[in-house]
């Protein structure tokens, strides 16, 4: 699989997930809606 580079925001989402953040906590930290974060996680 040809790995696509992650954007800075995608890297931040991965870091927050790795730190054990919930969707609600990650969304708040990135000033996103929870549904938006869920869509971005699915894409990630």
ModelCIF file with pLDDT and N, C-alpha, C, O atoms, coordinates in Angstrom:
data_MODEL
#
_entry.id   MODEL 
#
_entity.id                         1 
_entity.type                       polymer 
_entity.pdbx_number_of_molecules   1 
#
_entity_poly.entity_id                      1 
_entity_poly.type                           'polypeptide(L)' 
_entity_poly.nstd_linkage                   no 
_entity_poly.nstd_monomer                   no 
_entity_poly.pdbx_seq_one_letter_code       
;(UNK)(UNK)(UNK)(UNK)(UNK)(UNK)(UNK)(UNK)(UNK)(UNK)(UNK)(UNK)(UNK)(UNK)(UNK)(UNK)
(UNK)(UNK)(UNK)(UNK)(UNK)(UNK)(UNK)(UNK)(UNK)(UNK)(UNK)(UNK)(UNK)(UNK)(UNK)(UNK)
(UNK)(UNK)(UNK)(UNK)(UNK)(UNK)(UNK)(UNK)(UNK)(UNK)(UNK)(UNK)
;
_entity_poly.pdbx_seq_one_letter_code_can   XXXXXXXXXXXXXXXXXXXXXXXXXXXXXXXXXXXXXXXXXXXX 
_entity_poly.pdbx_strand_id                 A 
#
loop_
_entity_poly_seq.entity_id 
_entity_poly_seq.num 
_entity_poly_seq.mon_id 
_entity_poly_seq.hetero 
1 1  UNK n 
1 2  UNK n 
1 3  UNK n 
1 4  UNK n 
1 5  UNK n 
1 6  UNK n 
1 7  UNK n 
1 8  UNK n 
1 9  UNK n 
1 10 UNK n 
1 11 UNK n 
1 12 UNK n 
1 13 UNK n 
1 14 UNK n 
1 15 UNK n 
1 16 UNK n 
1 17 UNK n 
1 18 UNK n 
1 19 UNK n 
1 20 UNK n 
1 21 UNK n 
1 22 UNK n 
1 23 UNK n 
1 24 UNK n 
1 25 UNK n 
1 26 UNK n 
1 27 UNK n 
1 28 UNK n 
1 29 UNK n 
1 30 UNK n 
1 31 UNK n 
1 32 UNK n 
1 33 UNK n 
1 34 UNK n 
1 35 UNK n 
1 36 UNK n 
1 37 UNK n 
1 38 UNK n 
1 39 UNK n 
1 40 UNK n 
1 41 UNK n 
1 42 UNK n 
1 43 UNK n 
1 44 UNK n 
#
_struct_asym.id          A 
_struct_asym.entity_id   1 
#
loop_
_ma_qa_metric.id 
_ma_qa_metric.mode 
_ma_qa_metric.name 
_ma_qa_metric.software_group_id 
_ma_qa_metric.type 
1 global pLDDT . pLDDT 
2 local  pLDDT . pLDDT 
#
_ma_qa_metric_global.metric_id      1 
_ma_qa_metric_global.metric_value   90.70 
_ma_qa_metric_global.model_id       1 
_ma_qa_metric_global.ordinal_id     1 
#
loop_
_ma_qa_metric_local.label_asym_id 
_ma_qa_metric_local.label_comp_id 
_ma_qa_metric_local.label_seq_id 
_ma_qa_metric_local.metric_id 
_ma_qa_metric_local.metric_value 
_ma_qa_metric_local.model_id 
_ma_qa_metric_local.ordinal_id 
A UNK 1  2 57.00 1 1  
A UNK 2  2 58.00 1 2  
A UNK 3  2 63.00 1 3  
A UNK 4  2 73.00 1 4  
A UNK 5  2 84.00 1 5  
A UNK 6  2 86.00 1 6  
A UNK 7  2 90.00 1 7  
A UNK 8  2 92.00 1 8  
A UNK 9  2 93.00 1 9  
A UNK 10 2 92.00 1 10 
A UNK 11 2 91.00 1 11 
A UNK 12 2 94.00 1 12 
A UNK 13 2 94.00 1 13 
A UNK 14 2 92.00 1 14 
A UNK 15 2 93.00 1 15 
A UNK 16 2 94.00 1 16 
A UNK 17 2 93.00 1 17 
A UNK 18 2 90.00 1 18 
A UNK 19 2 92.00 1 19 
A UNK 20 2 92.00 1 20 
A UNK 21 2 93.00 1 21 
A UNK 22 2 95.00 1 22 
A UNK 23 2 95.00 1 23 
A UNK 24 2 96.00 1 24 
A UNK 25 2 96.00 1 25 
A UNK 26 2 96.00 1 26 
A UNK 27 2 96.00 1 27 
A UNK 28 2 97.00 1 28 
A UNK 29 2 96.00 1 29 
A UNK 30 2 96.00 1 30 
A UNK 31 2 96.00 1 31 
A UNK 32 2 96.00 1 32 
A UNK 33 2 96.00 1 33 
A UNK 34 2 96.00 1 34 
A UNK 35 2 97.00 1 35 
A UNK 36 2 96.00 1 36 
A UNK 37 2 96.00 1 37 
A UNK 38 2 95.00 1 38 
A UNK 39 2 95.00 1 39 
A UNK 40 2 95.00 1 40 
A UNK 41 2 94.00 1 41 
A UNK 42 2 91.00 1 42 
A UNK 43 2 90.00 1 43 
A UNK 44 2 89.00 1 44 
#
loop_
_atom_site.group_PDB 
_atom_site.id 
_atom_site.type_symbol 
_atom_site.label_atom_id 
_atom_site.label_alt_id 
_atom_site.label_comp_id 
_atom_site.label_asym_id 
_atom_site.label_entity_id 
_atom_site.label_seq_id 
_atom_site.pdbx_PDB_ins_code 
_atom_site.Cartn_x 
_atom_site.Cartn_y 
_atom_site.Cartn_z 
_atom_site.occupancy 
_atom_site.B_iso_or_equiv 
_atom_site.pdbx_formal_charge 
_atom_site.auth_seq_id 
_atom_site.auth_comp_id 
_atom_site.auth_asym_id 
_atom_site.auth_atom_id 
_atom_site.pdbx_PDB_model_num 
ATOM 1   N N  . UNK A 1 1  ? 0.858   -1.178 0.000  1.00 57.00 ? 1  UNK A N  1 
ATOM 2   C CA . UNK A 1 1  ? 0.000   0.000  0.000  1.00 57.00 ? 1  UNK A CA 1 
ATOM 3   C C  . UNK A 1 1  ? 0.897   1.231  0.000  1.00 57.00 ? 1  UNK A C  1 
ATOM 4   O O  . UNK A 1 1  ? 1.800   1.357  0.827  1.00 57.00 ? 1  UNK A O  1 
ATOM 5   N N  . UNK A 1 2  ? 0.641   2.122  -0.922 1.00 58.00 ? 2  UNK A N  1 
ATOM 6   C CA . UNK A 1 2  ? 1.399   3.363  -0.972 1.00 58.00 ? 2  UNK A CA 1 
ATOM 7   C C  . UNK A 1 2  ? 0.866   4.281  0.116  1.00 58.00 ? 2  UNK A C  1 
ATOM 8   O O  . UNK A 1 2  ? -0.260  4.773  0.038  1.00 58.00 ? 2  UNK A O  1 
ATOM 9   N N  . UNK A 1 3  ? 1.675   4.498  1.110  1.00 63.00 ? 3  UNK A N  1 
ATOM 10  C CA . UNK A 1 3  ? 1.247   5.319  2.236  1.00 63.00 ? 3  UNK A CA 1 
ATOM 11  C C  . UNK A 1 3  ? 1.154   6.786  1.819  1.00 63.00 ? 3  UNK A C  1 
ATOM 12  O O  . UNK A 1 3  ? 2.093   7.361  1.268  1.00 63.00 ? 3  UNK A O  1 
ATOM 13  N N  . UNK A 1 4  ? 0.005   7.359  2.097  1.00 73.00 ? 4  UNK A N  1 
ATOM 14  C CA . UNK A 1 4  ? -0.168  8.786  1.855  1.00 73.00 ? 4  UNK A CA 1 
ATOM 15  C C  . UNK A 1 4  ? 0.284   9.519  3.111  1.00 73.00 ? 4  UNK A C  1 
ATOM 16  O O  . UNK A 1 4  ? -0.020  9.093  4.225  1.00 73.00 ? 4  UNK A O  1 
ATOM 17  N N  . UNK A 1 5  ? 1.002   10.605 2.936  1.00 84.00 ? 5  UNK A N  1 
ATOM 18  C CA . UNK A 1 5  ? 1.416   11.340 4.133  1.00 84.00 ? 5  UNK A CA 1 
ATOM 19  C C  . UNK A 1 5  ? 0.205   11.931 4.849  1.00 84.00 ? 5  UNK A C  1 
ATOM 20  O O  . UNK A 1 5  ? -0.755  12.371 4.217  1.00 84.00 ? 5  UNK A O  1 
ATOM 21  N N  . UNK A 1 6  ? 0.268   11.933 6.163  1.00 86.00 ? 6  UNK A N  1 
ATOM 22  C CA . UNK A 1 6  ? -0.818  12.507 6.951  1.00 86.00 ? 6  UNK A CA 1 
ATOM 23  C C  . UNK A 1 6  ? -0.655  14.018 7.026  1.00 86.00 ? 6  UNK A C  1 
ATOM 24  O O  . UNK A 1 6  ? 0.458   14.542 7.062  1.00 86.00 ? 6  UNK A O  1 
ATOM 25  N N  . UNK A 1 7  ? -1.781  14.697 7.047  1.00 90.00 ? 7  UNK A N  1 
ATOM 26  C CA . UNK A 1 7  ? -1.758  16.144 7.222  1.00 90.00 ? 7  UNK A CA 1 
ATOM 27  C C  . UNK A 1 7  ? -1.424  16.434 8.685  1.00 90.00 ? 7  UNK A C  1 
ATOM 28  O O  . UNK A 1 7  ? -1.526  15.538 9.523  1.00 90.00 ? 7  UNK A O  1 
ATOM 29  N N  . UNK A 1 8  ? -1.030  17.657 9.005  1.00 92.00 ? 8  UNK A N  1 
ATOM 30  C CA . UNK A 1 8  ? -0.751  17.970 10.413 1.00 92.00 ? 8  UNK A CA 1 
ATOM 31  C C  . UNK A 1 8  ? -1.942  17.676 11.327 1.00 92.00 ? 8  UNK A C  1 
ATOM 32  O O  . UNK A 1 8  ? -1.760  17.164 12.431 1.00 92.00 ? 8  UNK A O  1 
ATOM 33  N N  . UNK A 1 9  ? -3.160  17.996 10.876 1.00 93.00 ? 9  UNK A N  1 
ATOM 34  C CA . UNK A 1 9  ? -4.320  17.726 11.721 1.00 93.00 ? 9  UNK A CA 1 
ATOM 35  C C  . UNK A 1 9  ? -4.559  16.220 11.880 1.00 93.00 ? 9  UNK A C  1 
ATOM 36  O O  . UNK A 1 9  ? -4.940  15.766 12.959 1.00 93.00 ? 9  UNK A O  1 
ATOM 37  N N  . UNK A 1 10 ? -4.339  15.450 10.821 1.00 92.00 ? 10 UNK A N  1 
ATOM 38  C CA . UNK A 1 10 ? -4.488  14.000 10.932 1.00 92.00 ? 10 UNK A CA 1 
ATOM 39  C C  . UNK A 1 10 ? -3.462  13.426 11.906 1.00 92.00 ? 10 UNK A C  1 
ATOM 40  O O  . UNK A 1 10 ? -3.780  12.542 12.701 1.00 92.00 ? 10 UNK A O  1 
ATOM 41  N N  . UNK A 1 11 ? -2.236  13.931 11.841 1.00 91.00 ? 11 UNK A N  1 
ATOM 42  C CA . UNK A 1 11 ? -1.215  13.468 12.783 1.00 91.00 ? 11 UNK A CA 1 
ATOM 43  C C  . UNK A 1 11 ? -1.622  13.794 14.216 1.00 91.00 ? 11 UNK A C  1 
ATOM 44  O O  . UNK A 1 11 ? -1.414  12.989 15.124 1.00 91.00 ? 11 UNK A O  1 
ATOM 45  N N  . UNK A 1 12 ? -2.198  14.968 14.413 1.00 94.00 ? 12 UNK A N  1 
ATOM 46  C CA . UNK A 1 12 ? -2.646  15.374 15.756 1.00 94.00 ? 12 UNK A CA 1 
ATOM 47  C C  . UNK A 1 12 ? -3.772  14.461 16.253 1.00 94.00 ? 12 UNK A C  1 
ATOM 48  O O  . UNK A 1 12 ? -3.799  14.085 17.425 1.00 94.00 ? 12 UNK A O  1 
ATOM 49  N N  . UNK A 1 13 ? -4.700  14.107 15.358 1.00 94.00 ? 13 UNK A N  1 
ATOM 50  C CA . UNK A 1 13 ? -5.789  13.197 15.724 1.00 94.00 ? 13 UNK A CA 1 
ATOM 51  C C  . UNK A 1 13 ? -5.211  11.851 16.147 1.00 94.00 ? 13 UNK A C  1 
ATOM 52  O O  . UNK A 1 13 ? -5.619  11.293 17.165 1.00 94.00 ? 13 UNK A O  1 
ATOM 53  N N  . UNK A 1 14 ? -4.264  11.328 15.373 1.00 92.00 ? 14 UNK A N  1 
ATOM 54  C CA . UNK A 1 14 ? -3.642  10.045 15.705 1.00 92.00 ? 14 UNK A CA 1 
ATOM 55  C C  . UNK A 1 14 ? -2.952  10.133 17.067 1.00 92.00 ? 14 UNK A C  1 
ATOM 56  O O  . UNK A 1 14 ? -3.067  9.214  17.878 1.00 92.00 ? 14 UNK A O  1 
ATOM 57  N N  . UNK A 1 15 ? -2.247  11.215 17.319 1.00 93.00 ? 15 UNK A N  1 
ATOM 58  C CA . UNK A 1 15 ? -1.573  11.390 18.614 1.00 93.00 ? 15 UNK A CA 1 
ATOM 59  C C  . UNK A 1 15 ? -2.574  11.395 19.761 1.00 93.00 ? 15 UNK A C  1 
ATOM 60  O O  . UNK A 1 15 ? -2.351  10.762 20.793 1.00 93.00 ? 15 UNK A O  1 
ATOM 61  N N  . UNK A 1 16 ? -3.681  12.116 19.575 1.00 94.00 ? 16 UNK A N  1 
ATOM 62  C CA . UNK A 1 16 ? -4.695  12.193 20.632 1.00 94.00 ? 16 UNK A CA 1 
ATOM 63  C C  . UNK A 1 16 ? -5.374  10.848 20.851 1.00 94.00 ? 16 UNK A C  1 
ATOM 64  O O  . UNK A 1 16 ? -5.700  10.490 21.983 1.00 94.00 ? 16 UNK A O  1 
ATOM 65  N N  . UNK A 1 17 ? -5.590  10.102 19.770 1.00 93.00 ? 17 UNK A N  1 
ATOM 66  C CA . UNK A 1 17 ? -6.153  8.749  19.897 1.00 93.00 ? 17 UNK A CA 1 
ATOM 67  C C  . UNK A 1 17 ? -5.165  7.867  20.659 1.00 93.00 ? 17 UNK A C  1 
ATOM 68  O O  . UNK A 1 17 ? -5.556  7.117  21.554 1.00 93.00 ? 17 UNK A O  1 
ATOM 69  N N  . UNK A 1 18 ? -3.885  7.961  20.300 1.00 90.00 ? 18 UNK A N  1 
ATOM 70  C CA . UNK A 1 18 ? -2.857  7.151  20.969 1.00 90.00 ? 18 UNK A CA 1 
ATOM 71  C C  . UNK A 1 18 ? -2.747  7.493  22.452 1.00 90.00 ? 18 UNK A C  1 
ATOM 72  O O  . UNK A 1 18 ? -2.415  6.633  23.268 1.00 90.00 ? 18 UNK A O  1 
ATOM 73  N N  . UNK A 1 19 ? -3.026  8.752  22.799 1.00 92.00 ? 19 UNK A N  1 
ATOM 74  C CA . UNK A 1 19 ? -2.988  9.170  24.204 1.00 92.00 ? 19 UNK A CA 1 
ATOM 75  C C  . UNK A 1 19 ? -4.231  8.722  24.978 1.00 92.00 ? 19 UNK A C  1 
ATOM 76  O O  . UNK A 1 19 ? -4.328  8.937  26.186 1.00 92.00 ? 19 UNK A O  1 
ATOM 77  N N  . UNK A 1 20 ? -5.184  8.096  24.269 1.00 92.00 ? 20 UNK A N  1 
ATOM 78  C CA . UNK A 1 20 ? -6.371  7.566  24.942 1.00 92.00 ? 20 UNK A CA 1 
ATOM 79  C C  . UNK A 1 20 ? -7.544  8.525  25.004 1.00 92.00 ? 20 UNK A C  1 
ATOM 80  O O  . UNK A 1 20 ? -8.483  8.302  25.769 1.00 92.00 ? 20 UNK A O  1 
ATOM 81  N N  . UNK A 1 21 ? -7.508  9.593  24.210 1.00 93.00 ? 21 UNK A N  1 
ATOM 82  C CA . UNK A 1 21 ? -8.607  10.549 24.217 1.00 93.00 ? 21 UNK A CA 1 
ATOM 83  C C  . UNK A 1 21 ? -9.886  9.968  23.630 1.00 93.00 ? 21 UNK A C  1 
ATOM 84  O O  . UNK A 1 21 ? -9.848  9.180  22.686 1.00 93.00 ? 21 UNK A O  1 
ATOM 85  N N  . UNK A 1 22 ? -11.009 10.364 24.196 1.00 95.00 ? 22 UNK A N  1 
ATOM 86  C CA . UNK A 1 22 ? -12.305 9.957  23.645 1.00 95.00 ? 22 UNK A CA 1 
ATOM 87  C C  . UNK A 1 22 ? -12.616 10.857 22.457 1.00 95.00 ? 22 UNK A C  1 
ATOM 88  O O  . UNK A 1 22 ? -11.972 11.888 22.267 1.00 95.00 ? 22 UNK A O  1 
ATOM 89  N N  . UNK A 1 23 ? -13.603 10.466 21.662 1.00 95.00 ? 23 UNK A N  1 
ATOM 90  C CA . UNK A 1 23 ? -13.999 11.304 20.533 1.00 95.00 ? 23 UNK A CA 1 
ATOM 91  C C  . UNK A 1 23 ? -14.397 12.699 21.015 1.00 95.00 ? 23 UNK A C  1 
ATOM 92  O O  . UNK A 1 23 ? -14.037 13.699 20.394 1.00 95.00 ? 23 UNK A O  1 
ATOM 93  N N  . UNK A 1 24 ? -15.125 12.763 22.103 1.00 96.00 ? 24 UNK A N  1 
ATOM 94  C CA . UNK A 1 24 ? -15.569 14.057 22.627 1.00 96.00 ? 24 UNK A CA 1 
ATOM 95  C C  . UNK A 1 24 ? -14.373 14.919 23.018 1.00 96.00 ? 24 UNK A C  1 
ATOM 96  O O  . UNK A 1 24 ? -14.335 16.108 22.700 1.00 96.00 ? 24 UNK A O  1 
ATOM 97  N N  . UNK A 1 25 ? -13.398 14.329 23.704 1.00 96.00 ? 25 UNK A N  1 
ATOM 98  C CA . UNK A 1 25 ? -12.213 15.079 24.138 1.00 96.00 ? 25 UNK A CA 1 
ATOM 99  C C  . UNK A 1 25 ? -11.373 15.538 22.950 1.00 96.00 ? 25 UNK A C  1 
ATOM 100 O O  . UNK A 1 25 ? -10.891 16.670 22.921 1.00 96.00 ? 25 UNK A O  1 
ATOM 101 N N  . UNK A 1 26 ? -11.203 14.658 21.978 1.00 96.00 ? 26 UNK A N  1 
ATOM 102 C CA . UNK A 1 26 ? -10.405 15.006 20.796 1.00 96.00 ? 26 UNK A CA 1 
ATOM 103 C C  . UNK A 1 26 ? -11.096 16.101 20.001 1.00 96.00 ? 26 UNK A C  1 
ATOM 104 O O  . UNK A 1 26 ? -10.456 17.056 19.561 1.00 96.00 ? 26 UNK A O  1 
ATOM 105 N N  . UNK A 1 27 ? -12.405 15.961 19.818 1.00 96.00 ? 27 UNK A N  1 
ATOM 106 C CA . UNK A 1 27 ? -13.161 16.971 19.071 1.00 96.00 ? 27 UNK A CA 1 
ATOM 107 C C  . UNK A 1 27 ? -13.050 18.331 19.751 1.00 96.00 ? 27 UNK A C  1 
ATOM 108 O O  . UNK A 1 27 ? -12.866 19.347 19.080 1.00 96.00 ? 27 UNK A O  1 
ATOM 109 N N  . UNK A 1 28 ? -13.160 18.356 21.063 1.00 97.00 ? 28 UNK A N  1 
ATOM 110 C CA . UNK A 1 28 ? -13.054 19.621 21.798 1.00 97.00 ? 28 UNK A CA 1 
ATOM 111 C C  . UNK A 1 28 ? -11.656 20.213 21.664 1.00 97.00 ? 28 UNK A C  1 
ATOM 112 O O  . UNK A 1 28 ? -11.508 21.421 21.479 1.00 97.00 ? 28 UNK A O  1 
ATOM 113 N N  . UNK A 1 29 ? -10.636 19.373 21.756 1.00 96.00 ? 29 UNK A N  1 
ATOM 114 C CA . UNK A 1 29 ? -9.261  19.861 21.665 1.00 96.00 ? 29 UNK A CA 1 
ATOM 115 C C  . UNK A 1 29 ? -8.964  20.456 20.284 1.00 96.00 ? 29 UNK A C  1 
ATOM 116 O O  . UNK A 1 29 ? -8.159  21.379 20.162 1.00 96.00 ? 29 UNK A O  1 
ATOM 117 N N  . UNK A 1 30 ? -9.613  19.928 19.257 1.00 96.00 ? 30 UNK A N  1 
ATOM 118 C CA . UNK A 1 30 ? -9.359  20.394 17.887 1.00 96.00 ? 30 UNK A CA 1 
ATOM 119 C C  . UNK A 1 30 ? -10.431 21.360 17.383 1.00 96.00 ? 30 UNK A C  1 
ATOM 120 O O  . UNK A 1 30 ? -10.405 21.777 16.225 1.00 96.00 ? 30 UNK A O  1 
ATOM 121 N N  . UNK A 1 31 ? -11.367 21.710 18.254 1.00 96.00 ? 31 UNK A N  1 
ATOM 122 C CA . UNK A 1 31 ? -12.466 22.617 17.898 1.00 96.00 ? 31 UNK A CA 1 
ATOM 123 C C  . UNK A 1 31 ? -13.256 22.085 16.701 1.00 96.00 ? 31 UNK A C  1 
ATOM 124 O O  . UNK A 1 31 ? -13.536 22.806 15.743 1.00 96.00 ? 31 UNK A O  1 
ATOM 125 N N  . UNK A 1 32 ? -13.608 20.793 16.792 1.00 96.00 ? 32 UNK A N  1 
ATOM 126 C CA . UNK A 1 32 ? -14.402 20.133 15.760 1.00 96.00 ? 32 UNK A CA 1 
ATOM 127 C C  . UNK A 1 32 ? -15.673 19.584 16.389 1.00 96.00 ? 32 UNK A C  1 
ATOM 128 O O  . UNK A 1 32 ? -15.742 19.380 17.601 1.00 96.00 ? 32 UNK A O  1 
ATOM 129 N N  . UNK A 1 33 ? -16.671 19.349 15.556 1.00 96.00 ? 33 UNK A N  1 
ATOM 130 C CA . UNK A 1 33 ? -17.849 18.642 16.021 1.00 96.00 ? 33 UNK A CA 1 
ATOM 131 C C  . UNK A 1 33 ? -17.528 17.157 16.119 1.00 96.00 ? 33 UNK A C  1 
ATOM 132 O O  . UNK A 1 33 ? -16.633 16.666 15.431 1.00 96.00 ? 33 UNK A O  1 
ATOM 133 N N  . UNK A 1 34 ? -18.254 16.445 16.967 1.00 96.00 ? 34 UNK A N  1 
ATOM 134 C CA . UNK A 1 34 ? -17.994 15.014 17.123 1.00 96.00 ? 34 UNK A CA 1 
ATOM 135 C C  . UNK A 1 34 ? -18.237 14.244 15.829 1.00 96.00 ? 34 UNK A C  1 
ATOM 136 O O  . UNK A 1 34 ? -17.477 13.334 15.498 1.00 96.00 ? 34 UNK A O  1 
ATOM 137 N N  . UNK A 1 35 ? -19.279 14.596 15.103 1.00 97.00 ? 35 UNK A N  1 
ATOM 138 C CA . UNK A 1 35 ? -19.570 13.913 13.831 1.00 97.00 ? 35 UNK A CA 1 
ATOM 139 C C  . UNK A 1 35 ? -18.449 14.166 12.818 1.00 97.00 ? 35 UNK A C  1 
ATOM 140 O O  . UNK A 1 35 ? -18.066 13.263 12.074 1.00 97.00 ? 35 UNK A O  1 
ATOM 141 N N  . UNK A 1 36 ? -17.931 15.385 12.790 1.00 96.00 ? 36 UNK A N  1 
ATOM 142 C CA . UNK A 1 36 ? -16.823 15.705 11.895 1.00 96.00 ? 36 UNK A CA 1 
ATOM 143 C C  . UNK A 1 36 ? -15.613 14.853 12.254 1.00 96.00 ? 36 UNK A C  1 
ATOM 144 O O  . UNK A 1 36 ? -14.953 14.299 11.375 1.00 96.00 ? 36 UNK A O  1 
ATOM 145 N N  . UNK A 1 37 ? -15.324 14.750 13.545 1.00 96.00 ? 37 UNK A N  1 
ATOM 146 C CA . UNK A 1 37 ? -14.198 13.927 13.988 1.00 96.00 ? 37 UNK A CA 1 
ATOM 147 C C  . UNK A 1 37 ? -14.424 12.467 13.599 1.00 96.00 ? 37 UNK A C  1 
ATOM 148 O O  . UNK A 1 37 ? -13.491 11.803 13.148 1.00 96.00 ? 37 UNK A O  1 
ATOM 149 N N  . UNK A 1 38 ? -15.638 11.958 13.764 1.00 95.00 ? 38 UNK A N  1 
ATOM 150 C CA . UNK A 1 38 ? -15.923 10.571 13.400 1.00 95.00 ? 38 UNK A CA 1 
ATOM 151 C C  . UNK A 1 38 ? -15.670 10.330 11.916 1.00 95.00 ? 38 UNK A C  1 
ATOM 152 O O  . UNK A 1 38 ? -15.114 9.297  11.543 1.00 95.00 ? 38 UNK A O  1 
ATOM 153 N N  . UNK A 1 39 ? -16.073 11.277 11.067 1.00 95.00 ? 39 UNK A N  1 
ATOM 154 C CA . UNK A 1 39 ? -15.820 11.146 9.628  1.00 95.00 ? 39 UNK A CA 1 
ATOM 155 C C  . UNK A 1 39 ? -14.322 11.168 9.338  1.00 95.00 ? 39 UNK A C  1 
ATOM 156 O O  . UNK A 1 39 ? -13.835 10.412 8.497  1.00 95.00 ? 39 UNK A O  1 
ATOM 157 N N  . UNK A 1 40 ? -13.603 12.032 10.033 1.00 95.00 ? 40 UNK A N  1 
ATOM 158 C CA . UNK A 1 40 ? -12.147 12.112 9.820  1.00 95.00 ? 40 UNK A CA 1 
ATOM 159 C C  . UNK A 1 40 ? -11.452 10.850 10.314 1.00 95.00 ? 40 UNK A C  1 
ATOM 160 O O  . UNK A 1 40 ? -10.494 10.389 9.693  1.00 95.00 ? 40 UNK A O  1 
ATOM 161 N N  . UNK A 1 41 ? -11.921 10.288 11.418 1.00 94.00 ? 41 UNK A N  1 
ATOM 162 C CA . UNK A 1 41 ? -11.353 9.031  11.905 1.00 94.00 ? 41 UNK A CA 1 
ATOM 163 C C  . UNK A 1 41 ? -11.583 7.904  10.897 1.00 94.00 ? 41 UNK A C  1 
ATOM 164 O O  . UNK A 1 41 ? -10.680 7.112  10.628 1.00 94.00 ? 41 UNK A O  1 
ATOM 165 N N  . UNK A 1 42 ? -12.791 7.836  10.345 1.00 91.00 ? 42 UNK A N  1 
ATOM 166 C CA . UNK A 1 42 ? -13.097 6.814  9.346  1.00 91.00 ? 42 UNK A CA 1 
ATOM 167 C C  . UNK A 1 42 ? -12.168 6.958  8.146  1.00 91.00 ? 42 UNK A C  1 
ATOM 168 O O  . UNK A 1 42 ? -11.638 5.966  7.644  1.00 91.00 ? 42 UNK A O  1 
ATOM 169 N N  . UNK A 1 43 ? -11.972 8.178  7.691  1.00 90.00 ? 43 UNK A N  1 
ATOM 170 C CA . UNK A 1 43 ? -11.066 8.424  6.569  1.00 90.00 ? 43 UNK A CA 1 
ATOM 171 C C  . UNK A 1 43 ? -9.624  8.064  6.943  1.00 90.00 ? 43 UNK A C  1 
ATOM 172 O O  . UNK A 1 43 ? -8.876  7.538  6.119  1.00 90.00 ? 43 UNK A O  1 
ATOM 173 N N  . UNK A 1 44 ? -9.246  8.347  8.178  1.00 89.00 ? 44 UNK A N  1 
ATOM 174 C CA . UNK A 1 44 ? -7.900  8.013  8.645  1.00 89.00 ? 44 UNK A CA 1 
ATOM 175 C C  . UNK A 1 44 ? -7.689  6.502  8.689  1.00 89.00 ? 44 UNK A C  1 
ATOM 176 O O  . UNK A 1 44 ? -6.610  6.040  9.059  1.00 89.00 ? 44 UNK A O  1 
#
